[in-house]
Amino acid sequence: MLYIPTGSAPDAVNQENGEEIGHYHVGGRFGIVNPRMVGGTIYLGKSWDWINTVPMKDVHLHFQTKQV
């Protein structure tokens, strides 16, 4: 799975075929950012120096964290 922050919504994309699996509208604008994924949460910097957090399950409905 590839997570891409674009415009105002992070997208989940199948890296094998480019099909969009899901997206979640956050609002505002992301600009050029490098999202970080930690413990089932996507951390996104915004162009206004804000940090937004989005649960990965909101972007990709079938996302599951693994117990280690």
Protein backbone atom coordinates (compact mmCIF):
# COMPACT_ATOMS: atom_id res chain seq x y z
CA MET A 1 0.00 0.00 0.00
CA LEU A 2 1.22 3.47 -0.88
CA TYR A 3 -0.03 6.48 1.09
CA ILE A 4 0.11 9.79 -0.78
CA PRO A 5 -0.89 13.15 0.70
CA THR A 6 -2.39 15.14 -2.15
CA GLY A 7 -4.31 18.40 -1.98
CA SER A 8 -6.52 18.12 1.09
CA ALA A 9 -6.84 14.32 1.35
CA PRO A 10 -4.31 11.53 1.92
CA ASP A 11 -4.89 8.68 -0.55
CA ALA A 12 -4.23 4.95 -0.17
CA VAL A 13 -3.07 3.52 -3.51
CA ASN A 14 -2.35 -0.07 -4.54
CA GLN A 15 1.33 0.05 -5.55
CA GLU A 16 0.87 -2.92 -7.91
CA ASN A 17 -1.70 -1.35 -10.24
CA GLY A 18 -2.16 2.30 -9.15
CA GLU A 19 -5.79 1.78 -8.12
CA GLU A 20 -7.04 4.14 -5.41
CA ILE A 21 -8.12 2.09 -2.40
CA GLY A 22 -9.36 4.96 -0.26
CA HIS A 23 -8.91 8.56 0.84
CA TYR A 24 -9.83 10.76 3.77
CA HIS A 25 -10.69 14.45 3.45
CA VAL A 26 -8.78 16.47 6.05
CA GLY A 27 -9.08 19.95 4.56
CA GLY A 28 -6.53 22.66 3.96
CA ARG A 29 -3.52 21.98 1.79
CA PHE A 30 -0.58 19.62 2.28
CA GLY A 31 1.89 20.91 -0.29
CA ILE A 32 5.09 18.86 -0.50
CA VAL A 33 5.23 16.70 2.65
CA ASN A 34 6.67 13.40 3.73
CA PRO A 35 4.07 11.53 5.78
CA ARG A 36 5.18 9.38 8.70
CA MET A 37 3.30 6.27 9.76
CA VAL A 38 3.63 5.19 13.38
CA GLY A 39 1.40 2.68 15.18
CA GLY A 40 -1.54 2.93 12.80
CA THR A 41 -1.47 6.74 12.55
CA ILE A 42 -0.39 8.95 9.64
CA TYR A 43 1.37 12.18 10.68
CA LEU A 44 1.14 14.91 8.04
CA GLY A 45 2.76 18.33 8.03
CA LYS A 46 0.70 21.07 6.40
CA SER A 47 1.87 24.12 4.51
CA TRP A 48 0.84 26.28 7.52
CA ASP A 49 3.37 24.50 9.82
CA TRP A 50 0.60 22.44 11.42
CA ILE A 51 0.75 18.70 12.02
CA ASN A 52 -2.38 16.64 11.38
CA THR A 53 -2.85 13.04 12.46
CA VAL A 54 -5.16 10.66 10.64
CA PRO A 55 -5.86 7.05 11.66
CA MET A 56 -4.71 4.80 8.82
CA LYS A 57 -8.02 2.87 9.04
CA ASP A 58 -9.82 6.09 8.00
CA VAL A 59 -7.76 6.22 4.78
CA HIS A 60 -7.63 2.46 4.14
CA LEU A 61 -10.64 0.63 5.61
CA HIS A 62 -8.92 -2.78 5.72
CA PHE A 63 -5.78 -1.56 7.50
CA GLN A 64 -4.82 -3.62 10.55
CA THR A 65 -1.92 -3.16 12.95
CA LYS A 66 0.09 -6.24 13.85
CA GLN A 67 0.91 -7.19 17.41
CA VAL A 68 4.63 -7.81 17.86
